[in-house]
Amino acid sequence: MRAWANLYPWDVIGDPAAADRIAGLGLTGVTLAAAYHSVRAVTPFHPEHRIVTRDAAVYYRADPARWPATGVRPARLRPAVARPSGSFERAAAALRSRGLRVTAWAVVTHNDRLAAAVPSAAVRNAFGDGYPWALCPASPAVREYAAALAGEIAALPEADAIELEACGWYGVEHLSAHDKTAGAAVGAPAQWLLSVCFCAACRGEYAAAGADPAWLAACVRTAVGPGPGQVQLPGAAARVLVGVRAAVATRFQREVIAAARAPGKPVYLHAHPDPRAMGANPGYEPAALAGATGIVLSCWDPRAAPGLVSRAGETAQPGTVIAASLLAVAGLGGDPATLPAQAAVVRAAGATELRLYHAGLAAAPDLAAIGDVCSAGA
């Protein structure tokens, strides 16, 4: 089974041994970050640093001429003349020189910087609280940004394919500094309710569907209540919210996928077959995948992975590639010792490709497990 491992550009830049080390694992290629959210990451093998901290940004050379001076636009946008190549291009060139295919990894609606800089483009819950880490896919400005971002990245000569993470609804759940929200939304229904957006664009969508946005927001506030335990929406409100959010997500995903299509370059969507799902792997309707090569499923829970792959195979369009992402780093809660067995299980359930997370964060035993998966061929 063909396998890719995730990397950040700084895992390669400045480390002369990195490209050979990754190529020696036997991978088909790497999934290299081109646009990413804020992160603090370890680099176990790098000769110059151990901890890297980055704000949300793009790592490729963005062209200012393609982006308006106002609205939602990539952070750290510099004139192309001043920066002839970005860290993505330099890392990709080193990896491709060792025979590895490079998939550009783009995080779309999870952006801790842009959602804070343009509050009107951010998700806003029924209580009026803004989520400055989550861009709303109903916002015209966000739709324009996402399509332009996907198109620009797909056009990079150093990118052999593109993967779109968080391409859909992003909600209340978010890993951030000193997070104190664990009791705010206990259970999936409460998480969903606190993630329903009521920004100006979303209110317009609800009104266009024939519902009163103020009434819907009041229903959500009542259902969430002062604490865990209630979570009960009137049926009419639930139908409107589910229907509108699914329609918005489908429109957004189809627009971004269409913008990312380039001759000979596969397009993958990080996704979940439950249309209500949010986050890095948002839900989708089968119609949203028109034009996509495949989907990437988060199979980090080995117990749930077979069912997730099977369910996706049942709902995806015929011919859709199903890539299973496996957690390969013990420090993140993975079980590298069982990685070959996990790969065999998801393959039996219908997965046709693997994504191994994350070669840049991996210690020596983790990298050895990645190599074992590749040598075994799952």
Protein backbone atom coordinates (compact mmCIF):
# COMPACT_ATOMS: atom_id res chain seq x y z
CA MET A 1 0.00 0.00 0.00
CA ARG A 2 1.34 3.43 -0.89
CA ALA A 3 2.29 5.48 2.17
CA TRP A 4 3.03 9.15 2.85
CA ALA A 5 4.33 10.65 6.11
CA ASN A 6 3.61 14.17 7.35
CA LEU A 7 6.39 16.77 7.64
CA TYR A 8 6.88 20.46 8.34
CA PRO A 9 9.34 22.46 6.23
CA TRP A 10 11.53 23.16 9.29
CA ASP A 11 12.02 19.42 9.72
CA VAL A 12 14.07 19.53 6.51
CA ILE A 13 15.47 23.06 6.18
CA GLY A 14 18.83 23.28 7.95
CA ASP A 15 19.18 19.53 8.44
CA PRO A 16 21.45 18.08 5.71
CA ALA A 17 20.54 14.52 6.73
CA ALA A 18 16.76 14.95 6.79
CA ALA A 19 15.91 14.15 3.17
CA ASP A 20 18.03 10.99 3.16
CA ARG A 21 16.61 9.92 6.53
CA ILE A 22 13.02 10.27 5.30
CA ALA A 23 13.71 8.68 1.91
CA GLY A 24 15.33 5.73 3.65
CA LEU A 25 12.02 4.80 5.28
CA GLY A 26 10.64 3.49 1.98
CA LEU A 27 7.76 5.96 1.74
CA THR A 28 5.96 6.82 -1.46
CA GLY A 29 6.14 10.46 -0.52
CA VAL A 30 5.61 13.12 2.14
CA THR A 31 2.70 15.39 3.05
CA LEU A 32 4.49 18.71 3.57
CA ALA A 33 2.83 21.70 5.27
CA ALA A 34 2.31 24.63 2.90
CA ALA A 35 -0.33 26.55 4.93
CA TYR A 36 -0.75 25.78 8.62
CA HIS A 37 -2.26 26.94 11.90
CA SER A 38 -0.24 28.08 14.92
CA VAL A 39 1.93 25.33 16.28
CA ARG A 40 4.64 24.46 18.79
CA ALA A 41 6.53 21.40 17.58
CA VAL A 42 9.47 19.26 18.57
CA THR A 43 12.25 18.43 16.08
CA PRO A 44 14.07 15.41 17.58
CA PHE A 45 16.76 15.06 14.90
CA HIS A 46 17.43 18.64 13.86
CA PRO A 47 21.03 19.77 14.47
CA GLU A 48 20.13 23.42 15.12
CA HIS A 49 16.92 23.44 17.20
CA ARG A 50 14.64 21.23 19.29
CA ILE A 51 11.42 23.26 19.71
CA VAL A 52 9.90 25.32 16.88
CA THR A 53 7.09 27.85 17.44
CA ARG A 54 5.16 29.29 14.51
CA ASP A 55 2.09 31.51 14.13
CA ALA A 56 -0.51 30.56 11.53
CA ALA A 57 1.05 31.30 8.15
CA VAL A 58 1.79 30.10 4.65
CA TYR A 59 5.22 28.58 4.03
CA TYR A 60 5.31 28.88 0.25
CA ARG A 61 6.02 32.03 -1.76
CA ALA A 62 2.61 33.66 -2.08
CA ASP A 63 2.09 36.14 -4.91
CA PRO A 64 0.79 39.49 -3.59
CA ALA A 65 -0.69 40.26 -7.00
CA ARG A 66 -3.21 37.45 -6.51
CA TRP A 67 -4.47 38.79 -3.17
CA PRO A 68 -6.50 41.95 -2.48
CA ALA A 69 -5.04 44.47 -0.06
CA THR A 70 -8.03 44.05 2.27
CA GLY A 71 -10.09 41.12 3.45
CA VAL A 72 -8.84 37.64 4.33
CA ARG A 73 -5.38 37.07 2.91
CA PRO A 74 -2.40 34.90 3.88
CA ALA A 75 -0.27 36.04 6.79
CA ARG A 76 3.37 36.89 6.14
CA LEU A 77 2.58 37.84 2.57
CA ARG A 78 5.77 39.37 1.14
CA PRO A 79 6.72 40.55 -2.34
CA ALA A 80 7.91 37.69 -4.50
CA VAL A 81 11.06 39.63 -5.49
CA ALA A 82 12.14 39.93 -1.86
CA ARG A 83 11.62 36.24 -1.21
CA PRO A 84 12.34 34.13 -4.30
CA SER A 85 11.32 30.90 -2.59
CA GLY A 86 9.57 29.84 0.59
CA SER A 87 10.51 27.14 3.07
CA PHE A 88 7.95 24.83 1.47
CA GLU A 89 9.63 25.08 -1.93
CA ARG A 90 13.11 24.56 -0.48
CA ALA A 91 12.09 21.57 1.62
CA ALA A 92 10.10 20.08 -1.26
CA ALA A 93 13.07 20.38 -3.61
CA ALA A 94 15.32 18.52 -1.17
CA LEU A 95 12.77 15.73 -0.72
CA ARG A 96 11.97 15.38 -4.41
CA SER A 97 15.69 15.12 -5.18
CA ARG A 98 15.63 11.88 -3.13
CA GLY A 99 12.79 10.44 -5.18
CA LEU A 100 9.93 11.33 -2.84
CA ARG A 101 6.63 12.70 -4.11
CA VAL A 102 5.50 15.84 -2.27
CA THR A 103 1.87 16.51 -1.38
CA ALA A 104 1.19 20.10 -0.31
CA TRP A 105 -0.70 20.11 3.01
CA ALA A 106 -3.03 23.10 3.38
CA VAL A 107 -5.08 23.87 6.50
CA VAL A 108 -8.04 26.00 5.42
CA THR A 109 -10.61 27.17 8.01
CA HIS A 110 -8.49 26.56 11.13
CA ASN A 111 -6.43 29.73 11.31
CA ASP A 112 -5.69 31.31 14.68
CA ARG A 113 -4.38 34.46 13.04
CA LEU A 114 -6.76 35.36 10.23
CA ALA A 115 -9.95 34.66 12.18
CA ALA A 116 -8.71 37.04 14.88
CA ALA A 117 -7.61 39.68 12.36
CA VAL A 118 -10.95 39.65 10.50
CA PRO A 119 -13.65 39.03 13.17
CA SER A 120 -16.46 39.23 10.62
CA ALA A 121 -15.00 36.13 8.93
CA ALA A 122 -14.86 34.06 12.13
CA VAL A 123 -17.35 31.56 13.52
CA ARG A 124 -19.64 33.16 16.12
CA ASN A 125 -21.78 30.99 18.40
CA ALA A 126 -25.37 31.48 19.55
CA PHE A 127 -24.20 33.50 22.56
CA GLY A 128 -22.33 35.95 20.33
CA ASP A 129 -18.88 34.64 21.24
CA GLY A 130 -16.37 34.81 18.41
CA TYR A 131 -14.00 31.92 17.73
CA PRO A 132 -10.77 33.60 16.57
CA TRP A 133 -9.31 30.27 15.52
CA ALA A 134 -12.13 29.29 13.15
CA LEU A 135 -12.95 30.84 9.78
CA CYS A 136 -16.61 30.51 8.77
CA PRO A 137 -17.18 28.76 5.41
CA ALA A 138 -20.41 30.70 4.89
CA SER A 139 -18.50 33.99 4.75
CA PRO A 140 -17.99 35.24 1.17
CA ALA A 141 -14.56 36.53 2.17
CA VAL A 142 -13.57 33.12 3.53
CA ARG A 143 -14.87 31.35 0.43
CA GLU A 144 -12.80 33.68 -1.75
CA TYR A 145 -9.72 33.21 0.45
CA ALA A 146 -9.99 29.41 0.55
CA ALA A 147 -10.40 29.05 -3.20
CA ALA A 148 -7.49 31.40 -3.89
CA LEU A 149 -5.29 29.60 -1.35
CA ALA A 150 -6.06 26.17 -2.80
CA GLY A 151 -5.51 27.35 -6.36
CA GLU A 152 -2.21 29.03 -5.58
CA ILE A 153 -0.84 26.02 -3.70
CA ALA A 154 -1.99 23.54 -6.34
CA ALA A 155 -0.14 25.56 -8.97
CA LEU A 156 3.21 25.26 -7.18
CA PRO A 157 5.65 23.29 -9.37
CA GLU A 158 7.05 21.63 -6.23
CA ALA A 159 3.65 20.17 -5.30
CA ASP A 160 2.74 16.81 -6.84
CA ALA A 161 -0.67 16.78 -5.10
CA ILE A 162 -2.64 18.76 -2.52
CA GLU A 163 -4.36 17.76 0.73
CA LEU A 164 -6.99 20.07 2.24
CA GLU A 165 -7.36 19.86 6.01
CA ALA A 166 -10.13 21.67 7.93
CA CYS A 167 -11.93 22.31 4.66
CA GLY A 168 -15.40 22.83 6.11
CA TRP A 169 -16.82 23.64 9.53
CA TYR A 170 -14.46 24.27 12.44
CA GLY A 171 -16.02 24.60 15.87
CA VAL A 172 -15.55 25.10 19.58
CA GLU A 173 -12.96 22.37 20.07
CA HIS A 174 -9.48 23.81 19.75
CA LEU A 175 -6.13 23.07 21.36
CA SER A 176 -4.84 26.42 22.61
CA ALA A 177 -2.63 27.82 25.35
CA HIS A 178 -3.90 27.09 28.87
CA ASP A 179 -7.29 25.97 27.60
CA LYS A 180 -9.99 26.07 30.30
CA THR A 181 -13.11 25.04 28.37
CA ALA A 182 -13.33 21.33 29.15
CA GLY A 183 -16.68 21.67 30.91
CA ALA A 184 -18.30 23.98 28.38
CA ALA A 185 -19.60 21.30 26.04
CA VAL A 186 -19.65 17.76 27.38
CA GLY A 187 -20.40 15.20 24.69
CA ALA A 188 -20.77 15.40 20.93
CA PRO A 189 -24.27 17.02 20.88
CA ALA A 190 -23.15 19.89 23.12
CA GLN A 191 -19.94 20.31 21.12
CA TRP A 192 -22.03 20.59 17.98
CA LEU A 193 -24.42 23.15 19.48
CA LEU A 194 -21.60 25.40 20.68
CA SER A 195 -20.06 25.16 17.23
CA VAL A 196 -23.13 26.26 15.25
CA CYS A 197 -22.29 29.62 13.70
CA PHE A 198 -24.46 32.74 13.86
CA CYS A 199 -22.21 35.24 12.09
CA ALA A 200 -23.85 37.68 9.68
CA ALA A 201 -23.31 35.34 6.72
CA CYS A 202 -24.80 32.36 8.53
CA ARG A 203 -27.79 34.37 9.74
CA GLY A 204 -28.41 35.26 6.12
CA GLU A 205 -28.29 31.57 5.17
CA TYR A 206 -30.84 30.68 7.87
CA ALA A 207 -33.15 33.49 6.78
CA ALA A 208 -32.88 32.34 3.16
CA ALA A 209 -33.96 28.89 4.33
CA GLY A 210 -37.11 30.44 5.83
CA ALA A 211 -36.10 30.42 9.50
CA ASP A 212 -35.74 33.28 11.99
CA PRO A 213 -32.04 33.46 12.98
CA ALA A 214 -32.86 35.02 16.35
CA TRP A 215 -35.24 32.16 17.15
CA LEU A 216 -32.64 29.58 16.13
CA ALA A 217 -29.99 31.22 18.31
CA ALA A 218 -32.38 31.28 21.26
CA CYS A 219 -33.11 27.58 20.74
CA VAL A 220 -29.42 26.78 20.82
CA ARG A 221 -28.81 28.86 23.95
CA THR A 222 -31.67 27.14 25.72
CA ALA A 223 -30.48 23.68 24.64
CA VAL A 224 -26.95 24.28 25.84
CA GLY A 225 -28.22 25.66 29.14
CA PRO A 226 -26.00 26.69 32.06
CA GLY A 227 -24.10 23.40 32.07
CA PRO A 228 -23.98 19.82 30.77
CA GLY A 229 -27.03 17.63 30.64
CA GLN A 230 -29.78 19.28 28.54
CA VAL A 231 -28.83 19.51 24.85
CA GLN A 232 -32.27 19.22 23.29
CA LEU A 233 -33.25 21.24 20.22
CA PRO A 234 -36.80 21.55 18.86
CA GLY A 235 -37.12 19.34 15.80
CA ALA A 236 -37.79 22.23 13.42
CA ALA A 237 -34.68 24.10 14.59
CA ALA A 238 -32.52 21.01 14.30
CA ARG A 239 -33.69 20.35 10.75
CA VAL A 240 -32.89 23.90 9.63
CA LEU A 241 -29.47 23.99 11.28
CA VAL A 242 -28.41 20.58 10.00
CA GLY A 243 -29.68 21.26 6.50
CA VAL A 244 -28.18 24.73 6.15
CA ARG A 245 -24.80 23.74 7.59
CA ALA A 246 -24.60 20.73 5.30
CA ALA A 247 -25.44 22.87 2.28
CA VAL A 248 -22.87 25.52 3.24
CA ALA A 249 -20.18 22.88 3.78
CA THR A 250 -20.93 21.18 0.46
CA ARG A 251 -20.78 24.47 -1.44
CA PHE A 252 -17.53 25.43 0.26
CA GLN A 253 -15.84 22.06 -0.27
CA ARG A 254 -16.84 21.89 -3.92
CA GLU A 255 -15.54 25.42 -4.55
CA VAL A 256 -12.20 24.74 -2.87
CA ILE A 257 -11.74 21.37 -4.56
CA ALA A 258 -12.51 22.93 -7.94
CA ALA A 259 -9.94 25.67 -7.29
CA ALA A 260 -7.32 23.08 -6.27
CA ARG A 261 -7.63 21.00 -9.41
CA ALA A 262 -4.54 21.19 -11.58
CA PRO A 263 -3.54 18.90 -14.45
CA GLY A 264 -2.07 15.67 -13.16
CA LYS A 265 -2.30 16.64 -9.48
CA PRO A 266 -4.52 14.61 -7.13
CA VAL A 267 -6.70 16.50 -4.64
CA TYR A 268 -7.46 14.96 -1.24
CA LEU A 269 -9.91 16.17 1.39
CA HIS A 270 -9.44 15.48 5.10
CA ALA A 271 -12.94 14.43 6.03
CA HIS A 272 -15.37 12.38 8.10
CA PRO A 273 -18.46 10.58 6.75
CA ASP A 274 -20.66 12.07 9.51
CA PRO A 275 -21.99 15.34 7.98
CA ARG A 276 -22.12 16.88 11.47
CA ALA A 277 -18.41 16.34 12.14
CA MET A 278 -16.23 19.43 12.57
CA GLY A 279 -12.58 20.27 12.93
CA ALA A 280 -9.54 19.05 11.04
CA ASN A 281 -11.66 16.31 9.43
CA PRO A 282 -15.06 17.94 8.86
CA GLY A 283 -18.14 16.12 7.68
CA TYR A 284 -19.12 15.94 4.05
CA GLU A 285 -22.00 14.94 1.83
CA PRO A 286 -21.04 12.56 -1.03
CA ALA A 287 -21.85 15.29 -3.56
CA ALA A 288 -19.10 17.46 -2.05
CA LEU A 289 -16.41 15.08 -3.29
CA ALA A 290 -17.09 15.74 -6.96
CA GLY A 291 -13.69 16.45 -8.49
CA ALA A 292 -11.69 15.12 -5.53
CA THR A 293 -9.29 12.23 -5.93
CA GLY A 294 -9.79 10.93 -2.43
CA ILE A 295 -10.39 11.51 1.26
CA VAL A 296 -8.06 11.27 4.24
CA LEU A 297 -9.60 9.72 7.36
CA SER A 298 -8.23 10.15 10.88
CA CYS A 299 -7.76 6.55 12.04
CA TRP A 300 -5.81 7.44 15.18
CA ASP A 301 -8.13 5.32 17.33
CA PRO A 302 -7.33 1.73 16.26
CA ARG A 303 -10.62 0.44 17.69
CA ALA A 304 -12.76 2.83 15.64
CA ALA A 305 -10.61 2.79 12.49
CA PRO A 306 -12.12 -0.24 10.68
CA GLY A 307 -15.66 1.04 11.08
CA LEU A 308 -14.69 4.54 9.98
CA VAL A 309 -13.00 3.26 6.83
CA SER A 310 -15.92 0.97 6.00
CA ARG A 311 -18.47 3.74 6.52
CA ALA A 312 -16.50 6.12 4.30
CA GLY A 313 -16.27 3.47 1.61
CA GLU A 314 -20.04 3.04 1.66
CA THR A 315 -20.78 6.77 1.31
CA ALA A 316 -17.96 7.88 -1.00
CA GLN A 317 -18.43 7.99 -4.74
CA PRO A 318 -17.09 5.02 -6.73
CA GLY A 319 -13.40 5.34 -7.47
CA THR A 320 -12.68 7.64 -4.53
CA VAL A 321 -9.31 6.89 -2.93
CA ILE A 322 -9.55 6.28 0.81
CA ALA A 323 -6.39 7.16 2.73
CA ALA A 324 -6.14 6.16 6.39
CA SER A 325 -4.08 8.41 8.65
CA LEU A 326 -2.37 6.44 11.44
CA LEU A 327 -0.72 7.98 14.52
CA ALA A 328 2.92 6.86 14.43
CA VAL A 329 4.35 8.87 17.35
CA ALA A 330 4.34 7.37 20.84
CA GLY A 331 4.74 10.82 22.42
CA LEU A 332 1.39 11.84 20.91
CA GLY A 333 -0.39 8.75 22.20
CA GLY A 334 0.28 6.44 19.27
CA ASP A 335 1.37 2.82 19.47
CA PRO A 336 4.19 2.46 16.93
CA ALA A 337 4.79 -1.18 17.85
CA THR A 338 1.41 -2.11 16.39
CA LEU A 339 1.61 0.20 13.38
CA PRO A 340 2.05 -2.59 10.78
CA ALA A 341 -0.93 -4.42 12.25
CA GLN A 342 -3.02 -1.23 12.22
CA ALA A 343 -2.11 -0.71 8.56
CA ALA A 344 -3.21 -4.24 7.71
CA VAL A 345 -6.55 -3.72 9.49
CA VAL A 346 -7.46 -0.49 7.67
CA ARG A 347 -6.41 -2.03 4.37
CA ALA A 348 -8.74 -4.96 5.01
CA ALA A 349 -11.52 -2.47 5.77
CA GLY A 350 -11.06 -0.76 2.41
CA ALA A 351 -8.27 1.83 2.75
CA THR A 352 -6.08 2.07 -0.35
CA GLU A 353 -3.41 4.51 0.90
CA LEU A 354 -1.76 5.44 4.21
CA ARG A 355 -0.82 8.71 5.87
CA LEU A 356 1.63 8.27 8.76
CA TYR A 357 1.58 11.08 11.31
CA HIS A 358 4.21 12.49 11.77
CA ALA A 359 7.78 11.86 10.56
CA GLY A 360 9.04 15.23 11.75
CA LEU A 361 7.75 14.71 15.30
CA ALA A 362 8.95 11.10 15.44
CA ALA A 363 11.69 9.77 17.71
CA ALA A 364 13.97 6.99 16.48
CA PRO A 365 11.63 4.10 17.48
CA ASP A 366 8.71 5.87 15.80
CA LEU A 367 10.66 6.26 12.56
CA ALA A 368 11.63 2.60 12.73
CA ALA A 369 7.94 1.68 12.96
CA ILE A 370 7.18 3.82 9.91
CA GLY A 371 9.90 1.97 8.07
CA ASP A 372 8.43 -1.37 9.16
CA VAL A 373 5.04 -0.40 7.72
CA CYS A 374 6.62 0.53 4.40
CA SER A 375 8.73 -2.63 4.21
CA ALA A 376 5.76 -4.82 5.12
CA GLY A 377 3.67 -3.27 2.35
CA ALA A 378 0.55 -3.70 4.56
